[in-house]
């Protein structure tokens, strides 16, 4: 699954329309709310793609680093930011080295059996009071299925989660969970995009 997904994402980032330039509005709100003054520590953008969130994270934290398994994506990250090629569920970072891990649109592309291991790995690399801001694709979503069946993620794989399943996955690894839900319908399309959104603290 990992090899197939990597090939799909390398192909995805070779397309001009995949080059997202602006951070997600929910990530902007999160950083503005939680980092009114620059936080001492490093933020990890896990599954950074082409690096659209790195400038924002660098404003909120002392430093920011990107990590993705797609070499094609990392080649497009601005040279101002350090990047590492790696894939969950294993990360090449020391214990307790990140104040924040952003895992935006990442975990639902893993094999479901790997998600608990990935969450444990995210927890491992967080500082004692660090936190993770993440999404899991909701079972209300109809857009992703179409993308995998015949869109630009064709041949890839993903898992959709109910709210109950999402809580059950995260609860063993984090002391506190704040929940949000993202629901949108792209202009001119019938499909729905839906994500569970969590701010979880170690």
N, C-alpha and C. Protein backbone atom coordinates (compact mmCIF):
# COMPACT_ATOMS: atom_id res chain seq x y z
N UNK A 1 0.82 -1.21 0.00
CA UNK A 1 0.00 0.00 0.00
C UNK A 1 0.86 1.26 0.00
N UNK A 2 1.91 1.28 0.84
CA UNK A 2 2.75 2.48 0.95
C UNK A 2 3.43 2.79 -0.38
N UNK A 3 3.96 1.76 -1.06
CA UNK A 3 4.64 1.99 -2.33
C UNK A 3 3.67 2.51 -3.38
N UNK A 4 2.47 1.91 -3.43
CA UNK A 4 1.47 2.35 -4.40
C UNK A 4 1.04 3.79 -4.13
N UNK A 5 0.80 4.11 -2.85
CA UNK A 5 0.39 5.46 -2.50
C UNK A 5 1.48 6.47 -2.84
N UNK A 6 2.74 6.11 -2.60
CA UNK A 6 3.84 7.03 -2.90
C UNK A 6 3.90 7.34 -4.38
N UNK A 7 3.72 6.33 -5.23
CA UNK A 7 3.74 6.55 -6.69
C UNK A 7 2.58 7.45 -7.10
N UNK A 8 1.42 7.24 -6.49
CA UNK A 8 0.26 8.07 -6.79
C UNK A 8 0.52 9.53 -6.42
N UNK A 9 1.12 9.75 -5.23
CA UNK A 9 1.35 11.12 -4.79
C UNK A 9 2.49 11.78 -5.57
N UNK A 10 3.49 11.04 -5.94
CA UNK A 10 4.54 11.61 -6.80
C UNK A 10 3.93 12.09 -8.11
N UNK A 11 3.03 11.29 -8.66
CA UNK A 11 2.34 11.68 -9.89
C UNK A 11 1.44 12.88 -9.65
N UNK A 12 0.76 12.89 -8.53
CA UNK A 12 -0.14 14.00 -8.17
C UNK A 12 0.63 15.33 -8.13
N UNK A 13 1.81 15.32 -7.49
CA UNK A 13 2.56 16.56 -7.36
C UNK A 13 3.28 16.96 -8.64
N UNK A 14 3.22 16.11 -9.65
CA UNK A 14 3.73 16.50 -10.95
C UNK A 14 2.73 17.30 -11.76
N UNK A 15 1.49 17.44 -11.23
CA UNK A 15 0.45 18.19 -11.91
C UNK A 15 0.41 19.62 -11.39
N UNK A 16 0.24 20.57 -12.26
CA UNK A 16 0.25 21.99 -11.89
C UNK A 16 -0.83 22.31 -10.87
N UNK A 17 -2.03 21.68 -11.01
CA UNK A 17 -3.13 22.00 -10.10
C UNK A 17 -2.91 21.50 -8.68
N UNK A 18 -1.89 20.66 -8.50
CA UNK A 18 -1.60 20.16 -7.16
C UNK A 18 -0.77 21.14 -6.34
N UNK A 19 -0.26 22.16 -6.95
CA UNK A 19 0.65 23.08 -6.28
C UNK A 19 -0.13 24.12 -5.47
N UNK A 20 -0.57 23.72 -4.29
CA UNK A 20 -1.30 24.63 -3.41
C UNK A 20 -0.33 25.63 -2.80
N UNK A 21 -0.67 26.90 -2.91
CA UNK A 21 0.23 27.96 -2.46
C UNK A 21 -0.16 28.51 -1.09
N UNK A 22 -1.41 28.39 -0.71
CA UNK A 22 -1.90 29.08 0.48
C UNK A 22 -2.27 28.07 1.58
N UNK A 23 -2.03 28.42 2.84
CA UNK A 23 -2.36 27.51 3.94
C UNK A 23 -3.87 27.36 4.09
N UNK A 24 -4.28 26.23 4.62
CA UNK A 24 -5.69 26.00 4.91
C UNK A 24 -6.15 27.00 5.97
N UNK A 25 -7.35 27.54 5.79
CA UNK A 25 -7.85 28.58 6.70
C UNK A 25 -7.95 28.08 8.14
N UNK A 26 -8.21 26.78 8.32
CA UNK A 26 -8.30 26.23 9.68
C UNK A 26 -6.94 26.19 10.36
N UNK A 27 -5.89 25.95 9.60
CA UNK A 27 -4.54 25.97 10.15
C UNK A 27 -4.14 27.40 10.48
N UNK A 28 -4.53 28.34 9.65
CA UNK A 28 -4.27 29.76 9.93
C UNK A 28 -4.91 30.16 11.25
N UNK A 29 -6.18 29.80 11.43
CA UNK A 29 -6.88 30.14 12.68
C UNK A 29 -6.21 29.50 13.88
N UNK A 30 -5.79 28.24 13.73
CA UNK A 30 -5.17 27.53 14.83
C UNK A 30 -3.87 28.22 15.27
N UNK A 31 -3.03 28.55 14.31
CA UNK A 31 -1.74 29.18 14.64
C UNK A 31 -1.96 30.56 15.24
N UNK A 32 -2.87 31.33 14.66
CA UNK A 32 -3.13 32.68 15.18
C UNK A 32 -3.66 32.62 16.61
N UNK A 33 -4.51 31.64 16.90
CA UNK A 33 -5.11 31.54 18.23
C UNK A 33 -4.11 31.01 19.26
N UNK A 34 -3.32 30.01 18.87
CA UNK A 34 -2.47 29.33 19.84
C UNK A 34 -1.04 29.89 19.91
N UNK A 35 -0.69 30.71 18.94
CA UNK A 35 0.65 31.30 18.93
C UNK A 35 0.56 32.81 18.73
N UNK A 36 -0.14 33.53 19.64
CA UNK A 36 -0.24 35.00 19.47
C UNK A 36 1.14 35.65 19.52
N UNK A 37 2.06 35.03 20.26
CA UNK A 37 3.47 35.40 20.24
C UNK A 37 4.26 34.15 19.87
N UNK A 38 5.38 34.35 19.23
CA UNK A 38 6.15 33.22 18.74
C UNK A 38 6.49 32.25 19.86
N UNK A 39 6.20 30.97 19.62
CA UNK A 39 6.44 29.91 20.60
C UNK A 39 7.87 29.40 20.45
N UNK A 40 8.55 29.26 21.57
CA UNK A 40 9.89 28.70 21.53
C UNK A 40 9.79 27.20 21.26
N UNK A 41 10.35 26.77 20.16
CA UNK A 41 10.30 25.36 19.80
C UNK A 41 10.15 25.19 18.31
N UNK A 42 10.21 23.96 17.86
CA UNK A 42 10.15 23.64 16.43
C UNK A 42 8.83 22.98 16.10
N UNK A 43 8.25 23.38 14.98
CA UNK A 43 7.02 22.77 14.47
C UNK A 43 7.36 21.85 13.31
N UNK A 44 6.74 20.68 13.28
CA UNK A 44 6.92 19.73 12.19
C UNK A 44 5.65 19.69 11.35
N UNK A 45 5.79 19.96 10.06
CA UNK A 45 4.67 19.79 9.12
C UNK A 45 4.82 18.39 8.54
N UNK A 46 4.05 17.46 9.07
CA UNK A 46 4.14 16.05 8.71
C UNK A 46 3.19 15.77 7.55
N UNK A 47 3.76 15.38 6.42
CA UNK A 47 2.98 15.29 5.20
C UNK A 47 2.83 16.67 4.60
N UNK A 48 3.95 17.38 4.51
CA UNK A 48 3.95 18.81 4.16
C UNK A 48 3.61 19.08 2.70
N UNK A 49 3.67 18.04 1.83
CA UNK A 49 3.45 18.30 0.41
C UNK A 49 4.47 19.28 -0.11
N UNK A 50 4.00 20.32 -0.78
CA UNK A 50 4.90 21.33 -1.35
C UNK A 50 5.21 22.46 -0.37
N UNK A 51 4.78 22.31 0.89
CA UNK A 51 5.21 23.26 1.92
C UNK A 51 4.33 24.45 2.15
N UNK A 52 3.05 24.35 1.81
CA UNK A 52 2.19 25.54 1.91
C UNK A 52 2.01 26.04 3.34
N UNK A 53 2.17 25.16 4.35
CA UNK A 53 1.98 25.58 5.74
C UNK A 53 3.28 26.01 6.43
N UNK A 54 4.41 25.77 5.80
CA UNK A 54 5.68 26.05 6.48
C UNK A 54 5.90 27.53 6.80
N UNK A 55 5.60 28.47 5.89
CA UNK A 55 5.78 29.89 6.27
C UNK A 55 4.92 30.29 7.47
N UNK A 56 3.70 29.77 7.53
CA UNK A 56 2.81 30.07 8.66
C UNK A 56 3.38 29.49 9.96
N UNK A 57 3.84 28.25 9.93
CA UNK A 57 4.41 27.63 11.12
C UNK A 57 5.68 28.36 11.57
N UNK A 58 6.45 28.84 10.62
CA UNK A 58 7.67 29.58 10.95
C UNK A 58 7.36 30.91 11.61
N UNK A 59 6.17 31.46 11.36
CA UNK A 59 5.75 32.68 12.05
C UNK A 59 5.38 32.40 13.50
N UNK A 60 4.81 31.22 13.75
CA UNK A 60 4.32 30.90 15.09
C UNK A 60 5.33 30.24 15.99
N UNK A 61 6.40 29.66 15.41
CA UNK A 61 7.38 28.91 16.19
C UNK A 61 8.79 29.37 15.85
N UNK A 62 9.73 29.01 16.71
CA UNK A 62 11.12 29.40 16.48
C UNK A 62 11.63 28.89 15.14
N UNK A 63 11.21 27.69 14.77
CA UNK A 63 11.61 27.11 13.49
C UNK A 63 10.55 26.12 13.03
N UNK A 64 10.61 25.77 11.75
CA UNK A 64 9.66 24.83 11.17
C UNK A 64 10.39 23.93 10.18
N UNK A 65 9.99 22.67 10.15
CA UNK A 65 10.59 21.71 9.25
C UNK A 65 9.47 20.91 8.58
N UNK A 66 9.70 20.53 7.33
CA UNK A 66 8.71 19.74 6.60
C UNK A 66 9.16 18.31 6.43
N UNK A 67 8.19 17.42 6.34
CA UNK A 67 8.47 15.99 6.15
C UNK A 67 7.39 15.41 5.25
N UNK A 68 7.80 14.67 4.24
CA UNK A 68 6.84 14.03 3.34
C UNK A 68 7.50 12.81 2.72
N UNK A 69 6.70 11.85 2.27
CA UNK A 69 7.30 10.68 1.63
C UNK A 69 7.46 10.85 0.12
N UNK A 70 6.92 11.94 -0.44
CA UNK A 70 7.01 12.18 -1.87
C UNK A 70 8.20 13.08 -2.20
N UNK A 71 9.17 12.52 -2.89
CA UNK A 71 10.33 13.31 -3.33
C UNK A 71 9.90 14.40 -4.30
N UNK A 72 8.89 14.10 -5.11
CA UNK A 72 8.37 15.08 -6.07
C UNK A 72 7.82 16.30 -5.35
N UNK A 73 7.12 16.08 -4.24
CA UNK A 73 6.58 17.19 -3.47
C UNK A 73 7.69 17.99 -2.81
N UNK A 74 8.63 17.31 -2.17
CA UNK A 74 9.69 18.00 -1.44
C UNK A 74 10.58 18.84 -2.35
N UNK A 75 10.70 18.42 -3.59
CA UNK A 75 11.50 19.20 -4.56
C UNK A 75 10.88 20.56 -4.83
N UNK A 76 9.59 20.71 -4.50
CA UNK A 76 8.89 21.96 -4.77
C UNK A 76 8.76 22.86 -3.54
N UNK A 77 9.25 22.40 -2.39
CA UNK A 77 9.22 23.21 -1.17
C UNK A 77 10.24 24.34 -1.29
N UNK A 78 9.86 25.57 -0.93
CA UNK A 78 10.83 26.68 -0.99
C UNK A 78 12.09 26.36 -0.21
N UNK A 79 13.23 26.76 -0.73
CA UNK A 79 14.52 26.40 -0.16
C UNK A 79 14.77 27.02 1.22
N UNK A 80 13.91 27.94 1.65
CA UNK A 80 14.06 28.56 2.98
C UNK A 80 13.83 27.57 4.11
N UNK A 81 13.17 26.44 3.82
CA UNK A 81 12.75 25.54 4.89
C UNK A 81 13.40 24.17 4.74
N UNK A 82 13.93 23.63 5.85
CA UNK A 82 14.51 22.27 5.80
C UNK A 82 13.41 21.23 5.63
N UNK A 83 13.71 20.19 4.88
CA UNK A 83 12.75 19.11 4.68
C UNK A 83 13.45 17.76 4.81
N UNK A 84 12.67 16.76 5.16
CA UNK A 84 13.16 15.40 5.32
C UNK A 84 12.20 14.47 4.59
N UNK A 85 12.72 13.54 3.82
CA UNK A 85 11.87 12.54 3.18
C UNK A 85 11.72 11.35 4.12
N UNK A 86 10.51 11.08 4.55
CA UNK A 86 10.23 9.97 5.45
C UNK A 86 8.74 9.70 5.41
N UNK A 87 8.37 8.53 5.91
CA UNK A 87 6.96 8.13 5.90
C UNK A 87 6.56 7.50 7.22
N UNK A 88 5.37 7.85 7.67
CA UNK A 88 4.79 7.15 8.80
C UNK A 88 4.58 5.69 8.44
N UNK A 89 4.66 4.78 9.40
CA UNK A 89 4.62 5.03 10.84
C UNK A 89 5.98 5.20 11.52
N UNK A 90 7.06 5.40 10.77
CA UNK A 90 8.36 5.61 11.39
C UNK A 90 8.90 6.99 11.00
N UNK A 91 9.41 7.72 11.99
CA UNK A 91 9.94 9.05 11.74
C UNK A 91 11.39 9.12 12.20
N UNK A 92 12.26 9.77 11.42
CA UNK A 92 13.70 9.82 11.74
C UNK A 92 14.08 10.98 12.65
N UNK A 93 13.30 11.17 13.71
CA UNK A 93 13.53 12.29 14.62
C UNK A 93 13.70 11.77 16.05
N UNK A 94 14.44 12.53 16.85
CA UNK A 94 14.67 12.16 18.24
C UNK A 94 13.40 12.31 19.07
N UNK A 95 13.38 11.66 20.21
CA UNK A 95 12.25 11.80 21.14
C UNK A 95 12.12 13.26 21.59
N UNK A 96 10.89 13.72 21.70
CA UNK A 96 10.61 15.00 22.32
C UNK A 96 11.21 16.22 21.67
N UNK A 97 11.24 16.26 20.35
CA UNK A 97 11.93 17.39 19.70
C UNK A 97 10.99 18.41 19.05
N UNK A 98 9.68 18.18 19.06
CA UNK A 98 8.77 19.12 18.39
C UNK A 98 7.71 19.66 19.36
N UNK A 99 7.52 20.96 19.33
CA UNK A 99 6.48 21.59 20.13
C UNK A 99 5.10 21.37 19.50
N UNK A 100 5.09 21.22 18.19
CA UNK A 100 3.83 20.97 17.47
C UNK A 100 4.11 20.05 16.29
N UNK A 101 3.21 19.11 16.08
CA UNK A 101 3.19 18.33 14.84
C UNK A 101 1.87 18.65 14.14
N UNK A 102 1.97 19.11 12.92
CA UNK A 102 0.80 19.33 12.06
C UNK A 102 0.70 18.13 11.12
N UNK A 103 -0.40 17.40 11.20
CA UNK A 103 -0.61 16.25 10.32
C UNK A 103 -1.93 16.47 9.59
N UNK A 104 -1.87 17.36 8.60
CA UNK A 104 -3.07 17.84 7.93
C UNK A 104 -3.32 17.02 6.67
N UNK A 105 -4.37 16.20 6.72
CA UNK A 105 -4.71 15.38 5.56
C UNK A 105 -3.71 14.27 5.32
N UNK A 106 -3.31 13.58 6.38
CA UNK A 106 -2.24 12.58 6.27
C UNK A 106 -2.69 11.19 6.73
N UNK A 107 -3.21 11.10 7.94
CA UNK A 107 -3.37 9.80 8.60
C UNK A 107 -4.36 8.88 7.89
N UNK A 108 -5.36 9.43 7.22
CA UNK A 108 -6.36 8.57 6.57
C UNK A 108 -5.82 7.90 5.31
N UNK A 109 -4.62 8.27 4.88
CA UNK A 109 -4.01 7.59 3.73
C UNK A 109 -3.17 6.38 4.16
N UNK A 110 -3.02 6.19 5.45
CA UNK A 110 -2.31 5.02 5.94
C UNK A 110 -3.22 3.80 5.97
N UNK A 111 -2.61 2.62 5.92
CA UNK A 111 -3.35 1.41 6.22
C UNK A 111 -3.91 1.55 7.63
N UNK A 112 -5.20 1.26 7.85
CA UNK A 112 -5.78 1.44 9.19
C UNK A 112 -4.99 0.75 10.30
N UNK A 113 -4.36 -0.37 9.99
CA UNK A 113 -3.58 -1.07 11.01
C UNK A 113 -2.34 -0.29 11.43
N UNK A 114 -1.90 0.68 10.60
CA UNK A 114 -0.71 1.46 10.91
C UNK A 114 -1.01 2.73 11.70
N UNK A 115 -2.27 3.13 11.75
CA UNK A 115 -2.60 4.42 12.37
C UNK A 115 -2.23 4.46 13.86
N UNK A 116 -2.55 3.45 14.66
CA UNK A 116 -2.11 3.51 16.07
C UNK A 116 -0.60 3.64 16.22
N UNK A 117 0.16 2.93 15.40
CA UNK A 117 1.62 3.03 15.44
C UNK A 117 2.07 4.44 15.05
N UNK A 118 1.40 5.02 14.05
CA UNK A 118 1.73 6.37 13.61
C UNK A 118 1.44 7.38 14.71
N UNK A 119 0.32 7.23 15.41
CA UNK A 119 -0.02 8.14 16.50
C UNK A 119 0.98 8.02 17.65
N UNK A 120 1.40 6.80 17.93
CA UNK A 120 2.41 6.60 18.97
C UNK A 120 3.72 7.27 18.57
N UNK A 121 4.05 7.24 17.29
CA UNK A 121 5.28 7.86 16.80
C UNK A 121 5.18 9.38 16.88
N UNK A 122 4.03 9.92 16.55
CA UNK A 122 3.81 11.36 16.68
C UNK A 122 3.96 11.78 18.14
N UNK A 123 3.37 11.01 19.03
CA UNK A 123 3.48 11.31 20.46
C UNK A 123 4.94 11.25 20.91
N UNK A 124 5.67 10.30 20.40
CA UNK A 124 7.07 10.13 20.79
C UNK A 124 7.90 11.37 20.48
N UNK A 125 7.68 11.99 19.33
CA UNK A 125 8.53 13.11 18.90
C UNK A 125 8.07 14.44 19.48
N UNK A 126 6.95 14.45 20.21
CA UNK A 126 6.48 15.69 20.82
C UNK A 126 7.22 15.98 22.13
N UNK A 127 7.41 17.25 22.42
CA UNK A 127 7.93 17.66 23.72
C UNK A 127 6.91 17.29 24.80
N UNK A 128 7.30 17.32 26.08
CA UNK A 128 6.37 16.89 27.14
C UNK A 128 5.01 17.59 27.12
N UNK A 129 4.98 18.86 26.71
CA UNK A 129 3.71 19.57 26.64
C UNK A 129 3.34 19.92 25.20
N UNK A 130 3.91 19.18 24.25
CA UNK A 130 3.64 19.44 22.85
C UNK A 130 2.26 18.98 22.43
N UNK A 131 1.87 19.37 21.23
CA UNK A 131 0.54 19.01 20.74
C UNK A 131 0.57 18.69 19.26
N UNK A 132 -0.48 18.04 18.82
CA UNK A 132 -0.64 17.71 17.41
C UNK A 132 -1.96 18.30 16.93
N UNK A 133 -1.95 18.85 15.73
CA UNK A 133 -3.17 19.35 15.08
C UNK A 133 -3.33 18.51 13.82
N UNK A 134 -4.42 17.74 13.75
CA UNK A 134 -4.53 16.75 12.68
C UNK A 134 -5.96 16.63 12.17
N UNK A 135 -6.06 15.97 11.02
CA UNK A 135 -7.37 15.63 10.47
C UNK A 135 -7.42 14.15 10.16
N UNK A 136 -8.64 13.62 10.20
CA UNK A 136 -8.97 12.29 9.69
C UNK A 136 -10.19 12.46 8.80
N UNK A 137 -10.16 11.85 7.64
CA UNK A 137 -11.28 12.00 6.70
C UNK A 137 -12.53 11.33 7.27
N UNK A 138 -13.64 12.03 7.22
CA UNK A 138 -14.89 11.56 7.78
C UNK A 138 -15.61 10.58 6.85
N UNK A 139 -16.39 9.69 7.45
CA UNK A 139 -17.18 8.76 6.64
C UNK A 139 -18.35 9.46 5.94
N UNK A 140 -18.54 10.75 6.20
CA UNK A 140 -19.52 11.53 5.45
C UNK A 140 -18.98 12.04 4.11
N UNK A 141 -17.67 11.86 3.91
CA UNK A 141 -17.00 12.36 2.71
C UNK A 141 -17.34 11.49 1.50
N UNK A 142 -17.66 12.14 0.37
CA UNK A 142 -17.88 11.41 -0.89
C UNK A 142 -16.88 11.82 -1.96
N UNK A 143 -16.13 12.88 -1.71
CA UNK A 143 -15.20 13.42 -2.70
C UNK A 143 -13.96 12.54 -2.87
N UNK A 144 -13.40 12.07 -1.78
CA UNK A 144 -12.15 11.33 -1.83
C UNK A 144 -12.32 10.02 -2.59
N UNK A 145 -13.44 9.34 -2.37
CA UNK A 145 -13.68 8.08 -3.07
C UNK A 145 -13.62 8.27 -4.57
N UNK A 146 -14.21 9.35 -5.06
CA UNK A 146 -14.19 9.63 -6.50
C UNK A 146 -12.77 9.91 -6.98
N UNK A 147 -11.99 10.64 -6.18
CA UNK A 147 -10.62 10.95 -6.56
C UNK A 147 -9.76 9.69 -6.68
N UNK A 148 -10.02 8.73 -5.81
CA UNK A 148 -9.24 7.49 -5.83
C UNK A 148 -9.71 6.56 -6.94
N UNK A 149 -11.00 6.60 -7.23
CA UNK A 149 -11.53 5.71 -8.26
C UNK A 149 -11.17 6.19 -9.67
N UNK A 150 -11.29 7.50 -9.91
CA UNK A 150 -11.05 7.97 -11.28
C UNK A 150 -10.51 9.40 -11.36
N UNK A 151 -10.03 9.92 -10.25
CA UNK A 151 -9.47 11.27 -10.24
C UNK A 151 -7.95 11.23 -10.25
N UNK A 152 -7.33 12.32 -9.76
CA UNK A 152 -5.87 12.40 -9.84
C UNK A 152 -5.18 11.61 -8.74
N UNK A 153 -5.95 10.95 -7.86
CA UNK A 153 -5.36 10.02 -6.88
C UNK A 153 -5.69 8.57 -7.23
N UNK A 154 -6.05 8.35 -8.48
CA UNK A 154 -6.45 7.01 -8.92
C UNK A 154 -5.35 5.98 -8.64
N UNK A 155 -5.77 4.87 -8.03
CA UNK A 155 -4.81 3.83 -7.68
C UNK A 155 -4.32 3.93 -6.25
N UNK A 156 -4.62 5.02 -5.59
CA UNK A 156 -4.21 5.18 -4.19
C UNK A 156 -5.22 4.53 -3.27
N UNK A 157 -5.05 4.74 -1.98
CA UNK A 157 -5.96 4.16 -1.00
C UNK A 157 -6.14 5.11 0.17
N UNK A 158 -7.28 5.01 0.80
CA UNK A 158 -7.58 5.86 1.96
C UNK A 158 -8.66 5.19 2.79
N UNK A 159 -8.78 5.63 4.03
CA UNK A 159 -9.78 5.09 4.95
C UNK A 159 -10.62 6.24 5.48
N UNK A 160 -11.93 6.04 5.55
CA UNK A 160 -12.83 7.02 6.13
C UNK A 160 -13.22 6.58 7.54
N UNK A 161 -13.41 7.57 8.45
CA UNK A 161 -13.66 7.26 9.85
C UNK A 161 -14.90 7.98 10.37
N UNK A 162 -15.65 7.30 11.21
CA UNK A 162 -16.73 7.96 11.93
C UNK A 162 -16.11 8.79 13.06
N UNK A 163 -16.90 9.69 13.63
CA UNK A 163 -16.42 10.48 14.76
C UNK A 163 -16.04 9.57 15.93
N UNK A 164 -16.86 8.57 16.19
CA UNK A 164 -16.59 7.63 17.28
C UNK A 164 -15.28 6.89 17.03
N UNK A 165 -15.05 6.44 15.81
CA UNK A 165 -13.81 5.73 15.48
C UNK A 165 -12.60 6.64 15.62
N UNK A 166 -12.75 7.90 15.21
CA UNK A 166 -11.64 8.85 15.32
C UNK A 166 -11.26 9.08 16.78
N UNK A 167 -12.25 9.28 17.64
CA UNK A 167 -11.97 9.46 19.07
C UNK A 167 -11.30 8.21 19.66
N UNK A 168 -11.78 7.06 19.25
CA UNK A 168 -11.23 5.81 19.78
C UNK A 168 -9.77 5.63 19.38
N UNK A 169 -9.40 6.10 18.21
CA UNK A 169 -8.01 6.01 17.76
C UNK A 169 -7.10 6.92 18.56
N UNK A 170 -7.54 8.15 18.81
CA UNK A 170 -6.66 9.15 19.42
C UNK A 170 -6.59 9.07 20.94
N UNK A 171 -7.70 8.67 21.57
CA UNK A 171 -7.79 8.73 23.03
C UNK A 171 -6.68 8.00 23.78
N UNK A 172 -6.20 6.84 23.31
CA UNK A 172 -5.14 6.16 24.07
C UNK A 172 -3.80 6.89 24.08
N UNK A 173 -3.62 7.85 23.18
CA UNK A 173 -2.29 8.44 23.01
C UNK A 173 -2.16 9.87 23.53
N UNK A 174 -3.28 10.54 23.77
CA UNK A 174 -3.21 11.96 24.12
C UNK A 174 -4.08 12.28 25.32
N UNK A 175 -3.57 13.21 26.15
CA UNK A 175 -4.22 13.54 27.42
C UNK A 175 -5.50 14.34 27.22
N UNK A 176 -5.56 15.16 26.19
CA UNK A 176 -6.75 15.98 25.97
C UNK A 176 -7.00 16.11 24.47
N UNK A 177 -8.27 16.17 24.12
CA UNK A 177 -8.67 16.27 22.72
C UNK A 177 -9.69 17.39 22.55
N UNK A 178 -9.44 18.28 21.60
CA UNK A 178 -10.44 19.27 21.19
C UNK A 178 -10.86 18.91 19.76
N UNK A 179 -12.17 18.92 19.54
CA UNK A 179 -12.71 18.40 18.27
C UNK A 179 -13.36 19.50 17.44
N UNK A 180 -13.19 19.39 16.13
CA UNK A 180 -13.91 20.24 15.19
C UNK A 180 -14.25 19.43 13.95
N UNK A 181 -15.10 19.98 13.13
CA UNK A 181 -15.55 19.26 11.93
C UNK A 181 -15.54 20.21 10.74
N UNK A 182 -14.99 19.74 9.63
CA UNK A 182 -14.91 20.54 8.41
C UNK A 182 -15.80 19.88 7.36
N UNK A 183 -16.72 20.63 6.81
CA UNK A 183 -17.61 20.12 5.76
C UNK A 183 -17.72 21.17 4.67
N UNK A 184 -17.44 20.78 3.45
CA UNK A 184 -17.58 21.73 2.33
C UNK A 184 -17.94 20.99 1.06
N UNK A 185 -18.53 21.72 0.16
CA UNK A 185 -18.85 21.18 -1.17
C UNK A 185 -18.17 22.07 -2.20
N UNK A 186 -17.17 21.52 -2.92
CA UNK A 186 -16.46 22.33 -3.91
C UNK A 186 -17.42 22.91 -4.95
N UNK A 187 -17.13 24.10 -5.38
CA UNK A 187 -17.98 24.80 -6.34
C UNK A 187 -18.15 23.98 -7.62
N UNK A 188 -19.38 23.78 -8.03
CA UNK A 188 -19.67 23.07 -9.26
C UNK A 188 -19.61 21.56 -9.16
N UNK A 189 -19.44 21.03 -7.94
CA UNK A 189 -19.35 19.59 -7.77
C UNK A 189 -20.48 19.08 -6.87
N UNK A 190 -20.80 17.80 -7.01
CA UNK A 190 -21.83 17.18 -6.18
C UNK A 190 -21.25 16.56 -4.92
N UNK A 191 -19.95 16.25 -4.95
CA UNK A 191 -19.34 15.51 -3.84
C UNK A 191 -19.09 16.41 -2.63
N UNK A 192 -19.05 15.77 -1.46
CA UNK A 192 -18.83 16.45 -0.19
C UNK A 192 -17.43 16.11 0.33
N UNK A 193 -16.72 17.12 0.82
CA UNK A 193 -15.44 16.94 1.49
C UNK A 193 -15.67 17.11 2.99
N UNK A 194 -15.28 16.11 3.78
CA UNK A 194 -15.57 16.16 5.21
C UNK A 194 -14.37 15.62 6.01
N UNK A 195 -13.96 16.37 7.02
CA UNK A 195 -12.83 15.97 7.87
C UNK A 195 -13.18 16.12 9.35
N UNK A 196 -12.73 15.15 10.14
CA UNK A 196 -12.65 15.36 11.59
C UNK A 196 -11.36 16.12 11.85
N UNK A 197 -11.41 17.06 12.78
CA UNK A 197 -10.27 17.91 13.09
C UNK A 197 -10.01 17.84 14.59
N UNK A 198 -8.76 17.56 14.98
CA UNK A 198 -8.42 17.42 16.39
C UNK A 198 -7.19 18.23 16.76
N UNK A 199 -7.26 18.88 17.92
CA UNK A 199 -6.08 19.43 18.58
C UNK A 199 -5.86 18.57 19.82
N UNK A 200 -4.78 17.80 19.83
CA UNK A 200 -4.53 16.85 20.89
C UNK A 200 -3.23 17.19 21.58
N UNK A 201 -3.20 17.14 22.90
CA UNK A 201 -2.01 17.44 23.66
C UNK A 201 -1.44 16.18 24.32
N UNK A 202 -0.11 16.14 24.40
CA UNK A 202 0.57 14.98 24.98
C UNK A 202 0.32 14.90 26.48
